[in-house]
N, C-alpha and C. Protein backbone atom coordinates (compact mmCIF):
# COMPACT_ATOMS: atom_id res chain seq x y z
N MET A 1 1.00 -1.20 0.07
CA MET A 1 0.30 -0.14 0.11
C MET A 1 1.04 1.24 0.03
N PRO A 2 0.68 2.05 -0.89
CA PRO A 2 1.53 3.11 -0.75
C PRO A 2 1.33 4.17 0.31
N ASP A 3 0.17 4.19 1.27
CA ASP A 3 0.25 4.65 2.43
C ASP A 3 0.89 4.34 3.54
N GLU A 4 1.15 3.27 3.79
CA GLU A 4 1.62 2.63 4.39
C GLU A 4 3.59 3.02 4.11
N ASN A 5 3.77 2.98 2.91
CA ASN A 5 5.37 3.44 2.73
C ASN A 5 5.41 4.89 2.73
N LEU A 6 4.77 5.84 2.67
CA LEU A 6 4.77 6.99 2.79
C LEU A 6 5.01 7.10 4.27
N LEU A 7 3.88 6.29 5.16
CA LEU A 7 3.88 6.70 6.61
C LEU A 7 5.20 6.08 7.24
N THR A 8 5.85 5.07 6.84
CA THR A 8 7.09 4.48 7.20
C THR A 8 8.43 5.15 6.82
N THR A 9 8.06 6.15 5.51
CA THR A 9 9.39 6.96 5.35
C THR A 9 8.79 8.21 6.15
N LEU A 10 7.64 8.59 6.67
CA LEU A 10 7.60 10.05 7.23
C LEU A 10 8.55 9.66 9.00
N GLU A 11 8.20 8.23 9.31
CA GLU A 11 8.61 8.34 10.67
C GLU A 11 10.02 7.83 10.43
N GLN A 12 10.56 7.59 9.51
CA GLN A 12 12.05 7.59 9.47
C GLN A 12 12.81 9.07 9.59
N SER A 13 12.15 10.04 8.74
CA SER A 13 12.24 11.24 8.70
C SER A 13 11.73 11.87 10.13
N LEU A 14 11.09 10.91 10.64
CA LEU A 14 10.70 12.34 11.97
C LEU A 14 11.81 11.71 12.99
N ARG A 15 12.13 10.51 13.05
CA ARG A 15 13.32 9.77 13.81
C ARG A 15 15.10 10.23 13.50
N GLN A 16 14.83 10.30 11.97
CA GLN A 16 16.14 11.17 11.85
C GLN A 16 16.19 12.71 12.18
N ALA A 17 15.26 13.56 11.98
CA ALA A 17 15.22 14.87 12.51
C ALA A 17 15.29 15.08 13.54
N ARG A 18 14.52 13.94 14.75
CA ARG A 18 14.62 14.06 16.39
C ARG A 18 16.44 14.14 16.38
N ALA A 19 17.04 13.06 15.99
CA ALA A 19 18.31 12.61 16.38
C ALA A 19 18.97 13.57 16.29
N THR A 20 19.02 14.38 14.64
CA THR A 20 19.71 15.64 14.39
C THR A 20 19.45 16.70 15.41
N ARG A 21 18.09 16.92 16.11
CA ARG A 21 18.15 17.99 17.20
C ARG A 21 18.97 17.71 18.13
N ALA A 22 18.92 16.38 18.23
CA ALA A 22 19.43 15.86 19.97
C ALA A 22 20.80 15.86 19.60
N ARG A 23 21.31 15.99 18.80
CA ARG A 23 22.82 15.95 18.44
C ARG A 23 23.19 17.92 18.44
N LEU A 24 22.22 18.39 17.87
CA LEU A 24 22.71 19.83 17.72
C LEU A 24 22.42 20.39 19.32
N ALA A 25 21.51 20.12 19.62
CA ALA A 25 21.33 20.64 21.19
C ALA A 25 21.95 20.38 22.20
N ALA A 26 22.65 18.81 21.98
CA ALA A 26 24.08 18.54 22.67
C ALA A 26 25.15 19.42 22.46
N ARG A 27 25.15 19.53 20.95
CA ARG A 27 26.40 20.68 20.73
C ARG A 27 26.85 22.01 20.89
N LEU A 28 25.10 22.42 20.91
CA LEU A 28 24.94 23.75 21.62
C LEU A 28 25.31 23.82 23.02
N ALA A 29 24.97 23.01 23.90
CA ALA A 29 25.13 22.81 24.98
C ALA A 29 27.06 23.18 25.53
N GLU A 30 27.56 22.05 24.58
CA GLU A 30 29.17 22.14 25.09
C GLU A 30 29.76 23.38 24.20
N LEU A 31 28.86 23.83 23.37
CA LEU A 31 29.56 25.54 23.06
C LEU A 31 29.25 26.34 24.00
N GLU A 32 28.37 26.32 24.54
CA GLU A 32 27.66 27.66 25.84
C GLU A 32 28.57 27.20 27.00
N ALA A 33 29.11 25.83 27.31
CA ALA A 33 30.02 25.47 28.45
C ALA A 33 31.37 26.05 27.72
N GLU A 34 31.69 25.80 26.81
CA GLU A 34 32.94 26.56 26.49
C GLU A 34 32.98 28.19 26.70
N ALA A 35 31.80 28.42 25.88
CA ALA A 35 31.79 30.30 26.35
C ALA A 35 31.96 30.53 27.22
N GLU A 36 31.53 29.90 28.26
CA GLU A 36 31.25 30.23 29.76
C GLU A 36 32.49 29.94 30.46
N LYS A 37 33.64 29.00 29.99
CA LYS A 37 35.21 28.82 30.28
C LYS A 37 35.89 30.04 29.52
N VAL A 38 35.45 30.14 28.39
CA VAL A 38 36.39 31.54 28.07
C VAL A 38 35.88 32.53 28.60
N ARG A 39 34.66 32.81 28.94
CA ARG A 39 34.61 34.33 29.98
C ARG A 39 35.49 34.20 31.09
N THR A 40 35.37 33.01 31.76
CA THR A 40 35.73 33.29 33.47
C THR A 40 37.32 33.42 32.60
N GLU A 41 38.02 32.51 31.70
CA GLU A 41 39.43 33.08 31.37
C GLU A 41 39.76 34.57 31.04
N LEU A 42 38.89 35.06 30.17
CA LEU A 42 39.12 36.52 30.11
C LEU A 42 39.40 37.01 31.39
N ALA A 43 38.44 36.88 32.32
CA ALA A 43 38.42 37.64 33.39
C ALA A 43 39.50 37.40 34.29
N GLU A 44 40.05 36.38 33.63
CA GLU A 44 41.20 35.53 34.47
C GLU A 44 42.25 36.80 34.02
N VAL A 45 42.40 36.44 32.69
CA VAL A 45 43.44 37.03 32.17
C VAL A 45 43.45 39.06 32.53
N ASP A 46 42.16 39.35 32.73
CA ASP A 46 42.11 40.68 32.58
C ASP A 46 42.90 40.95 33.96
N ALA A 47 42.56 40.00 35.29
CA ALA A 47 43.32 40.42 36.56
C ALA A 47 44.33 39.93 36.40
N LEU A 48 45.29 39.08 35.56
CA LEU A 48 46.35 39.03 35.72
C LEU A 48 46.77 40.45 34.98
N ALA A 49 46.83 40.84 33.82
CA ALA A 49 47.05 41.90 33.46
C ALA A 49 47.22 43.14 34.48
N ASN A 50 46.06 43.19 35.06
CA ASN A 50 45.99 44.46 36.41
C ASN A 50 47.06 43.76 37.43
N GLN A 51 47.31 43.01 37.84
CA GLN A 51 48.44 42.55 38.89
C GLN A 51 49.76 42.87 38.15
N THR A 52 49.88 42.36 36.56
CA THR A 52 50.90 42.54 36.25
C THR A 52 51.61 43.92 36.28
N GLU A 53 50.68 44.70 35.61
CA GLU A 53 50.78 46.32 35.66
C GLU A 53 50.96 46.62 36.65
N ALA A 54 50.24 46.57 38.20
CA ALA A 54 50.93 46.76 39.48
C ALA A 54 52.26 46.57 39.77
N ALA A 55 52.10 45.27 39.49
CA ALA A 55 53.85 44.80 39.90
C ALA A 55 54.77 45.41 38.97
N MET A 56 54.34 45.73 38.28
CA MET A 56 55.44 46.52 37.47
C MET A 56 55.94 48.01 38.02
N LEU A 57 55.06 48.46 38.13
CA LEU A 57 54.99 49.79 38.91
C LEU A 57 55.68 49.76 40.10
N ARG A 58 55.39 48.76 40.94
CA ARG A 58 56.03 48.28 42.23
C ARG A 58 57.39 48.29 42.01
N ILE A 59 57.77 47.33 40.81
CA ILE A 59 59.40 46.89 40.63
C ILE A 59 59.84 48.09 40.08
N LEU A 60 59.58 48.54 39.26
CA LEU A 60 60.28 49.94 39.00
C LEU A 60 60.41 51.00 39.80
N SER A 61 59.35 51.05 40.77
CA SER A 61 59.59 52.08 42.00
C SER A 61 60.50 51.69 42.92
N SER A 62 60.79 50.65 43.18
CA SER A 62 61.83 50.38 44.05
C SER A 62 63.22 50.05 43.47
N VAL A 63 63.47 49.94 42.31
CA VAL A 63 64.49 49.27 41.66
C VAL A 63 64.88 50.85 41.46
N LEU A 64 64.09 51.67 40.74
CA LEU A 64 64.66 53.18 40.83
C LEU A 64 65.03 53.86 42.10
N GLY A 65 64.15 53.38 43.24
CA GLY A 65 64.31 54.48 44.17
C GLY A 65 63.41 55.06 44.45
N THR A 66 62.28 55.57 43.73
CA THR A 66 61.58 56.38 43.64
C THR A 66 60.45 56.41 44.79
N GLY A 67 60.00 55.19 44.57
CA GLY A 67 58.78 55.35 45.39
C GLY A 67 59.30 54.17 47.13
N SER A 68 59.02 54.73 48.03
CA SER A 68 59.35 54.21 49.60
C SER A 68 57.95 53.93 50.34
N ALA A 69 57.48 53.06 50.97
CA ALA A 69 56.72 53.04 52.07
C ALA A 69 56.59 54.02 53.14
N ALA A 70 57.59 54.93 53.24
CA ALA A 70 57.62 55.92 54.30
C ALA A 70 57.56 57.15 53.73
N SER A 71 57.77 57.30 52.26
CA SER A 71 57.57 58.55 51.64
C SER A 71 56.04 59.00 51.49
N ALA A 72 55.81 60.22 51.71
CA ALA A 72 54.67 60.73 51.65
C ALA A 72 54.16 61.07 50.48
N SER A 73 55.10 61.54 49.52
CA SER A 73 54.38 61.92 48.05
C SER A 73 54.51 60.57 47.36
N PRO A 74 53.65 60.61 46.34
CA PRO A 74 53.51 59.57 45.68
C PRO A 74 54.25 59.46 44.67
N PRO A 75 54.84 58.35 44.02
CA PRO A 75 56.19 57.71 43.29
C PRO A 75 55.93 58.41 42.18
N THR A 76 57.16 59.01 41.35
CA THR A 76 57.48 59.59 40.43
C THR A 76 57.11 58.79 38.94
N VAL A 77 56.80 59.13 38.04
CA VAL A 77 57.28 57.97 36.81
C VAL A 77 58.75 58.15 36.18
N PRO A 78 59.25 56.81 36.40
CA PRO A 78 60.56 57.12 36.11
C PRO A 78 60.84 57.35 34.44
N SER A 79 62.17 57.98 34.33
CA SER A 79 62.26 58.59 32.82
C SER A 79 62.69 57.24 32.17
N ASP A 80 62.62 57.51 30.65
CA ASP A 80 62.77 56.34 29.58
C ASP A 80 64.20 55.62 29.97
N ASP A 81 65.37 56.76 30.65
CA ASP A 81 66.52 56.33 30.43
C ASP A 81 66.79 55.52 32.14
N GLU A 82 66.14 55.86 32.89
CA GLU A 82 66.01 55.19 34.19
C GLU A 82 65.70 53.77 34.14
N ILE A 83 64.77 53.64 33.11
CA ILE A 83 63.95 51.95 32.98
C ILE A 83 64.91 51.32 32.08
N GLU A 84 65.46 51.88 31.23
CA GLU A 84 66.81 51.56 30.65
C GLU A 84 67.82 50.89 31.29
N ALA A 85 68.09 51.75 32.08
CA ALA A 85 69.13 51.08 32.85
C ALA A 85 68.80 50.38 33.66
N ALA A 86 67.77 50.17 34.53
CA ALA A 86 67.33 48.75 35.72
C ALA A 86 67.08 48.04 34.19
N LEU A 87 66.68 48.01 33.14
CA LEU A 87 66.42 46.67 32.70
C LEU A 87 67.71 46.06 32.56
N ARG A 88 68.86 47.11 31.81
CA ARG A 88 70.20 46.53 31.39
C ARG A 88 70.53 45.52 32.81
N ARG A 89 70.76 46.39 33.55
CA ARG A 89 71.03 45.42 35.25
C ARG A 89 70.51 44.36 35.63
N ASP A 90 69.07 44.32 34.70
CA ASP A 90 68.14 42.65 35.02
C ASP A 90 68.73 42.06 34.08
N GLU A 91 69.09 42.32 32.88
CA GLU A 91 69.84 41.53 31.90
C GLU A 91 71.05 40.59 32.57
N ALA A 92 71.90 41.94 32.94
CA ALA A 92 73.50 41.37 33.49
C ALA A 92 72.99 40.50 34.30
N ARG A 93 72.42 40.76 35.75
CA ARG A 93 72.04 39.74 35.96
C ARG A 93 71.67 38.24 36.07
N GLY A 94 70.58 38.14 34.82
CA GLY A 94 70.08 36.75 34.52
C GLY A 94 71.50 36.36 33.20
N ALA A 95 72.04 36.86 32.89
CA ALA A 95 73.14 36.40 32.32
C ALA A 95 74.29 35.50 32.87
N GLN A 96 74.33 36.45 34.01
CA GLN A 96 75.24 35.44 35.22
C GLN A 96 74.17 34.00 35.54
N GLY A 97 72.61 34.23 35.82
CA GLY A 97 72.49 32.86 36.14
C GLY A 97 72.29 31.76 35.09
N ALA A 98 72.84 32.72 33.63
CA ALA A 98 72.49 31.41 32.33
C ALA A 98 73.47 30.40 32.28
N ALA A 99 74.09 30.43 33.01
CA ALA A 99 75.41 29.20 32.71
C ALA A 99 74.46 28.17 33.39
N SER A 100 73.29 28.07 34.65
CA SER A 100 73.24 27.20 35.61
C SER A 100 71.70 26.73 34.78
N ARG A 101 71.55 27.11 33.85
CA ARG A 101 70.29 26.52 33.08
C ARG A 101 70.02 24.87 32.77
N PRO A 102 69.36 24.19 32.97
CA PRO A 102 69.17 23.09 32.67
C PRO A 102 68.96 22.67 31.23
N THR A 103 69.96 21.48 31.06
CA THR A 103 69.70 20.94 29.51
C THR A 103 68.28 20.75 29.05
N PRO A 104 68.24 21.29 27.70
CA PRO A 104 66.81 20.55 27.72
C PRO A 104 66.65 19.06 27.52
N PRO A 105 65.56 19.01 27.28
CA PRO A 105 65.12 17.35 27.04
C PRO A 105 65.49 17.04 25.45
N PRO A 106 66.04 15.77 25.23
CA PRO A 106 66.23 15.30 23.80
C PRO A 106 65.07 15.04 23.30
N VAL A 107 65.16 15.30 21.93
CA VAL A 107 63.98 15.03 20.93
C VAL A 107 64.25 13.40 20.79
N ARG A 108 63.00 12.76 20.62
CA ARG A 108 63.02 11.30 20.74
C ARG A 108 62.39 10.94 19.35
N PRO A 109 63.25 10.92 17.87
CA PRO A 109 62.40 10.67 16.74
C PRO A 109 61.88 9.18 16.71
N ASP A 110 62.04 8.29 17.67
CA ASP A 110 61.73 6.94 17.43
C ASP A 110 60.48 6.74 18.39
N ILE A 111 60.04 7.49 18.68
CA ILE A 111 58.52 7.45 19.61
C ILE A 111 57.56 6.53 18.14
N GLU A 112 56.83 5.75 19.32
CA GLU A 112 55.81 5.28 18.64
C GLU A 112 54.45 5.79 19.20
N PRO A 113 53.41 5.95 18.34
CA PRO A 113 52.16 6.80 19.18
C PRO A 113 51.23 5.54 20.18
N LYS A 114 51.21 6.01 20.98
CA LYS A 114 50.61 5.29 22.04
C LYS A 114 49.06 5.37 21.87
N SER A 115 48.70 6.72 21.28
CA SER A 115 47.01 6.59 21.04
C SER A 115 47.09 7.49 19.97
N THR A 116 45.50 8.06 19.86
CA THR A 116 45.92 9.06 18.76
C THR A 116 44.70 10.11 19.47
N ARG A 117 45.03 10.37 20.21
CA ARG A 117 44.43 11.35 21.39
C ARG A 117 44.66 12.74 20.35
N PHE A 118 45.80 13.06 19.56
CA PHE A 118 46.09 14.75 19.09
C PHE A 118 45.94 14.54 17.83
N ALA A 119 45.32 13.57 17.31
CA ALA A 119 45.65 13.32 15.85
C ALA A 119 44.66 14.28 14.97
N ASP A 120 43.21 14.59 15.62
CA ASP A 120 42.52 15.56 15.29
C ASP A 120 42.47 17.35 15.81
N ARG A 121 43.39 17.33 16.39
CA ARG A 121 44.11 18.89 17.51
C ARG A 121 45.03 19.84 16.50
N THR A 122 45.00 20.91 17.00
CA THR A 122 45.87 21.56 16.54
C THR A 122 47.26 21.91 17.50
N ILE A 123 48.39 22.16 16.97
CA ILE A 123 49.64 22.59 18.33
C ILE A 123 48.99 23.38 19.51
N PRO A 124 48.59 24.07 19.09
CA PRO A 124 47.93 24.80 20.70
C PRO A 124 47.10 24.25 21.51
N GLN A 125 46.16 23.72 20.57
CA GLN A 125 45.33 22.78 21.48
C GLN A 125 45.74 21.60 22.21
N ALA A 126 46.78 20.85 21.22
CA ALA A 126 47.38 19.56 22.11
C ALA A 126 48.41 19.92 23.12
N ALA A 127 49.09 21.30 22.87
CA ALA A 127 50.06 21.74 24.08
C ALA A 127 49.45 22.15 25.32
N ALA A 128 48.42 22.77 25.01
CA ALA A 128 47.00 23.42 25.95
C ALA A 128 47.27 21.96 27.12
N VAL A 129 46.54 21.05 26.68
CA VAL A 129 46.26 19.53 27.00
C VAL A 129 47.53 19.05 27.84
N LEU A 130 48.41 18.94 27.09
CA LEU A 130 49.83 18.42 27.94
C LEU A 130 50.10 19.21 29.00
N LEU A 131 50.13 20.83 28.81
CA LEU A 131 50.67 21.72 30.07
C LEU A 131 49.84 21.51 31.06
N ARG A 132 48.44 21.31 30.76
CA ARG A 132 47.65 20.90 31.77
C ARG A 132 48.04 19.97 32.67
N GLU A 133 48.23 18.81 31.78
CA GLU A 133 48.37 17.85 32.61
C GLU A 133 49.66 17.63 33.44
N ALA A 134 50.58 18.74 33.02
CA ALA A 134 52.20 18.49 33.32
C ALA A 134 51.89 18.92 34.74
N GLY A 135 51.06 20.20 34.78
CA GLY A 135 50.88 21.24 36.19
C GLY A 135 52.19 21.68 36.26
N GLY A 136 52.68 22.22 35.02
CA GLY A 136 53.99 23.15 35.14
C GLY A 136 54.45 23.00 33.28
N PRO A 137 55.33 23.92 33.38
CA PRO A 137 56.14 24.65 32.22
C PRO A 137 56.56 23.11 31.61
N LEU A 138 56.75 23.18 30.27
CA LEU A 138 57.53 22.14 29.63
C LEU A 138 58.11 22.83 28.23
N HIS A 139 59.19 22.30 28.28
CA HIS A 139 60.06 22.29 26.79
C HIS A 139 59.90 22.02 25.48
N VAL A 140 60.18 22.88 24.22
CA VAL A 140 59.51 22.43 23.23
C VAL A 140 59.80 20.70 22.58
N ASN A 141 60.70 20.46 23.19
CA ASN A 141 61.40 19.20 23.06
C ASN A 141 60.41 18.12 23.88
N GLU A 142 60.29 18.40 25.05
CA GLU A 142 59.34 17.48 25.57
C GLU A 142 57.79 17.29 25.16
N ILE A 143 57.25 18.66 24.96
CA ILE A 143 56.00 19.00 24.05
C ILE A 143 56.35 17.90 22.75
N TYR A 144 57.10 17.93 22.04
CA TYR A 144 57.18 17.17 20.69
C TYR A 144 57.08 15.59 21.46
N ASN A 145 57.98 15.35 22.13
CA ASN A 145 57.94 13.88 22.16
C ASN A 145 56.54 13.14 22.60
N ARG A 146 55.71 14.18 23.72
CA ARG A 146 54.51 13.82 24.20
C ARG A 146 53.17 13.81 22.95
N LEU A 147 53.66 14.67 21.93
CA LEU A 147 52.67 15.03 20.78
C LEU A 147 52.61 13.53 19.91
N LEU A 148 54.23 12.94 19.82
CA LEU A 148 54.15 12.06 18.97
C LEU A 148 53.39 11.02 19.45
N GLU A 149 53.68 10.76 21.09
CA GLU A 149 53.13 9.54 21.74
C GLU A 149 51.73 9.47 21.56
N GLY A 150 51.16 10.98 21.38
CA GLY A 150 49.35 10.99 21.49
C GLY A 150 49.32 11.08 19.76
N GLY A 151 49.64 10.63 19.05
CA GLY A 151 49.45 10.39 17.59
C GLY A 151 49.38 11.71 16.91
N PHE A 152 49.89 12.53 16.89
CA PHE A 152 50.02 14.01 16.16
C PHE A 152 50.67 13.94 15.21
N GLN A 153 50.57 14.45 13.93
CA GLN A 153 50.90 13.88 12.90
C GLN A 153 52.02 15.68 12.52
N PHE A 154 53.17 15.54 12.44
CA PHE A 154 53.61 16.87 12.09
C PHE A 154 54.25 16.93 10.44
N THR A 155 54.13 17.88 9.84
CA THR A 155 54.22 17.98 8.44
C THR A 155 55.28 18.57 7.79
N GLY A 156 55.75 19.64 9.10
CA GLY A 156 57.27 20.10 8.37
C GLY A 156 58.25 19.73 8.91
N GLN A 157 59.35 20.35 8.33
CA GLN A 157 60.79 19.61 8.54
C GLN A 157 61.37 20.04 10.16
N HIS A 158 60.51 20.89 10.44
CA HIS A 158 61.21 21.42 11.81
C HIS A 158 60.28 21.73 12.93
N PRO A 159 59.76 20.49 13.58
CA PRO A 159 58.57 20.32 14.50
C PRO A 159 58.75 21.19 15.47
N THR A 160 60.11 21.09 16.05
CA THR A 160 59.98 22.07 17.38
C THR A 160 60.02 23.26 17.34
N ILE A 161 60.76 23.58 16.45
CA ILE A 161 60.50 25.25 15.80
C ILE A 161 59.02 25.76 15.48
N SER A 162 57.96 24.46 14.79
CA SER A 162 56.62 25.01 14.52
C SER A 162 55.97 25.10 15.64
N ILE A 163 56.24 23.97 16.65
CA ILE A 163 55.78 24.15 18.47
C ILE A 163 56.10 25.12 19.16
N ALA A 164 57.13 25.76 18.84
CA ALA A 164 57.62 27.20 19.48
C ALA A 164 56.81 28.28 18.96
N VAL A 165 56.77 28.47 17.40
CA VAL A 165 56.63 29.67 16.63
C VAL A 165 55.08 29.71 17.32
N SER A 166 54.05 28.47 17.61
CA SER A 166 52.57 28.44 17.21
C SER A 166 52.28 28.74 18.94
N LEU A 167 53.06 27.99 19.79
CA LEU A 167 52.97 28.61 21.07
C LEU A 167 53.35 30.17 21.00
N ASN A 168 54.49 30.62 20.40
CA ASN A 168 54.53 32.17 21.10
C ASN A 168 53.86 32.96 20.39
N ARG A 169 53.15 32.40 19.30
CA ARG A 169 51.93 33.42 18.48
C ARG A 169 50.67 33.61 19.31
N ASN A 170 50.51 32.98 20.19
CA ASN A 170 49.01 32.28 21.16
C ASN A 170 49.17 32.80 22.30
N ARG A 171 48.08 34.05 22.83
CA ARG A 171 48.19 34.09 23.95
C ARG A 171 47.87 33.47 25.18
N ARG A 172 47.21 32.33 24.95
CA ARG A 172 47.00 31.54 25.76
C ARG A 172 48.63 30.93 26.46
N PHE A 173 49.53 30.98 25.93
CA PHE A 173 51.03 30.65 26.45
C PHE A 173 51.79 31.76 26.58
N ARG A 174 53.03 31.24 27.60
CA ARG A 174 54.03 32.29 27.61
C ARG A 174 55.09 31.63 27.77
N LYS A 175 56.30 32.19 27.74
CA LYS A 175 57.40 31.81 27.46
C LYS A 175 58.26 31.91 28.78
N VAL A 176 58.70 30.96 29.41
CA VAL A 176 59.13 31.11 30.86
C VAL A 176 60.71 30.88 31.11
N ALA A 177 60.91 30.21 29.65
CA ALA A 177 62.47 30.19 29.90
C ALA A 177 62.78 29.89 28.46
N PRO A 178 64.34 29.93 27.72
CA PRO A 178 64.37 29.63 26.27
C PRO A 178 63.60 27.63 26.18
N GLY A 179 63.09 28.10 24.88
CA GLY A 179 62.38 27.15 24.66
C GLY A 179 61.30 26.32 25.19
N THR A 180 61.05 26.79 26.23
CA THR A 180 60.10 26.33 27.36
C THR A 180 58.60 27.20 27.85
N PHE A 181 57.68 26.55 27.91
CA PHE A 181 56.33 27.48 27.64
C PHE A 181 55.08 26.52 28.37
N ASP A 182 54.64 27.83 28.73
CA ASP A 182 53.40 27.46 30.04
C ASP A 182 52.25 27.98 29.96
N LEU A 183 51.09 27.48 30.63
CA LEU A 183 49.84 28.38 30.29
C LEU A 183 49.84 29.49 31.27
N VAL A 184 49.61 30.87 30.19
CA VAL A 184 49.22 31.91 31.33
C VAL A 184 48.00 31.88 32.37
N ILE A 185 47.34 31.19 32.38
CA ILE A 185 45.90 31.14 32.82
C ILE A 185 46.42 30.38 34.32
N ARG A 186 47.56 29.73 34.00
CA ARG A 186 47.94 28.72 35.41
C ARG A 186 48.54 29.71 36.39
N ASP A 187 49.20 30.67 36.04
CA ASP A 187 49.81 32.34 36.71
C ASP A 187 48.59 32.70 37.35
N VAL A 188 47.29 32.88 36.76
CA VAL A 188 46.38 33.79 37.85
C VAL A 188 45.46 32.33 38.68
N ALA A 189 45.68 31.46 37.94
CA ALA A 189 45.26 30.11 39.33
C ALA A 189 46.04 30.03 40.33
N GLN A 190 47.48 29.93 40.59
CA GLN A 190 48.43 30.21 41.29
C GLN A 190 48.22 31.01 42.34
N MET A 191 48.00 32.36 41.71
CA MET A 191 48.28 33.56 42.16
C MET A 191 46.71 33.31 43.74
N SER A 192 45.81 33.20 43.08
CA SER A 192 44.64 33.27 43.92
C SER A 192 44.87 32.06 45.04
N GLN A 193 45.47 31.48 45.35
CA GLN A 193 46.05 30.52 45.75
C GLN A 193 46.51 30.46 47.23
């Protein structure tokens, strides 16, 4: 009967439409949750920026000797020459400590993938997962090794450089040492503890 075939077709179409709607509703819920996370991260980054700016002013004031707790007058804004001199002193101190830097972990090209969890992710997405799991900064060589274990497929000739460039260009990451990156958002979380 033509009516039964039409009815069967319409029932299948209705089931497909409901299944599609359910999938779309679930995806919308995921996107709304992700949007809320991003809003929270933005607020935390704003707080970090404000704290960093205040810390910079305190440091500049103390380094240049323009601000003290006993001083009744507000601190003066340092001149460009004073700031450059303070930065040169800090660079000289940093160069002395550079000799004691740890050796970066080796790149291990013989790594066999243990899973495919990073196969469909970008470098910044996968690196964010790795840094959260590590609980601290990682060198690009270690990120590379762990990405290979997770099934990430590199297309360029210099994957560690690709990682460093990708993380350097992304605001979610900050460079904490040569070739070593961490999540910016971790700073805010640790400051509030």
